[in-house]
């Protein structure tokens, strides 16, 4: 019965290892996605801020 119990435990280890590898892969994709979204919003906010600043500057320059 010893080889049988060893087989079950090794199978469980293999399954948990596979799960951890899959989880790491998913987390990596999520992290990349979040970073891209963050950078995208940051760029949009920066562009908006520059536009507003330039708009105010031109208004001040015209006035």
Protein backbone atom coordinates (compact mmCIF):
# COMPACT_ATOMS: atom_id res chain seq x y z
CA UNK A 1 0.00 0.00 0.00
CA UNK A 2 3.03 2.25 0.33
CA UNK A 3 3.54 2.91 -3.41
CA UNK A 4 -0.17 3.70 -3.76
CA UNK A 5 -0.16 6.38 -1.02
CA UNK A 6 3.06 7.81 -2.45
CA UNK A 7 1.42 7.99 -5.88
CA UNK A 8 -1.58 9.89 -4.47
CA UNK A 9 0.60 12.41 -2.61
CA UNK A 10 2.85 13.01 -5.64
CA UNK A 11 -0.26 13.52 -7.78
CA UNK A 12 -1.56 16.06 -5.28
CA UNK A 13 1.79 17.87 -5.28
CA UNK A 14 1.77 17.89 -9.07
CA UNK A 15 -1.79 19.31 -9.14
CA UNK A 16 -1.02 22.04 -6.61
CA UNK A 17 2.20 22.91 -8.47
CA UNK A 18 0.29 23.16 -11.75
CA UNK A 19 -2.32 25.33 -10.03
CA UNK A 20 0.35 27.64 -8.60
CA UNK A 21 2.02 27.94 -12.02
CA UNK A 22 -1.35 28.77 -13.63
CA UNK A 23 -2.12 31.25 -10.85
CA UNK A 24 1.25 32.96 -11.33
CA UNK A 25 0.57 33.20 -15.06
CA UNK A 26 -2.83 34.75 -14.46
CA UNK A 27 -1.45 37.17 -11.86
CA UNK A 28 1.26 38.19 -14.31
CA UNK A 29 -1.34 38.94 -17.01
CA UNK A 30 -3.48 40.88 -14.51
CA UNK A 31 -0.46 42.87 -13.34
CA UNK A 32 0.53 43.75 -16.92
CA UNK A 33 -3.06 44.73 -17.69
CA UNK A 34 -3.31 46.95 -14.59
CA UNK A 35 0.03 48.59 -15.39
CA UNK A 36 -1.10 49.27 -18.97
CA UNK A 37 -4.41 50.75 -17.76
CA UNK A 38 -2.56 52.88 -15.20
CA UNK A 39 -0.06 54.16 -17.79
CA UNK A 40 -2.88 54.82 -20.28
CA UNK A 41 -4.87 56.85 -17.74
CA UNK A 42 -1.73 58.64 -16.59
CA UNK A 43 -0.92 59.66 -20.19
CA UNK A 44 -4.52 60.79 -20.78
CA UNK A 45 -4.53 62.82 -17.56
CA UNK A 46 -1.16 64.37 -18.43
CA UNK A 47 -2.33 65.29 -21.94
CA UNK A 48 -5.57 66.75 -20.50
CA UNK A 49 -3.59 68.73 -17.92
CA UNK A 50 -1.22 70.09 -20.61
CA UNK A 51 -4.18 71.05 -22.82
CA UNK A 52 -5.90 72.86 -19.93
CA UNK A 53 -2.65 74.59 -18.95
CA UNK A 54 -2.00 75.68 -22.54
CA UNK A 55 -5.63 76.81 -22.86
CA UNK A 56 -5.32 78.96 -19.74
CA UNK A 57 -1.95 80.28 -20.90
CA UNK A 58 -3.36 81.30 -24.29
CA UNK A 59 -6.37 82.89 -22.60
CA UNK A 60 -4.07 84.85 -20.29
CA UNK A 61 -1.88 85.74 -23.28
CA UNK A 62 -4.91 86.95 -25.27
CA UNK A 63 -6.39 88.86 -22.32
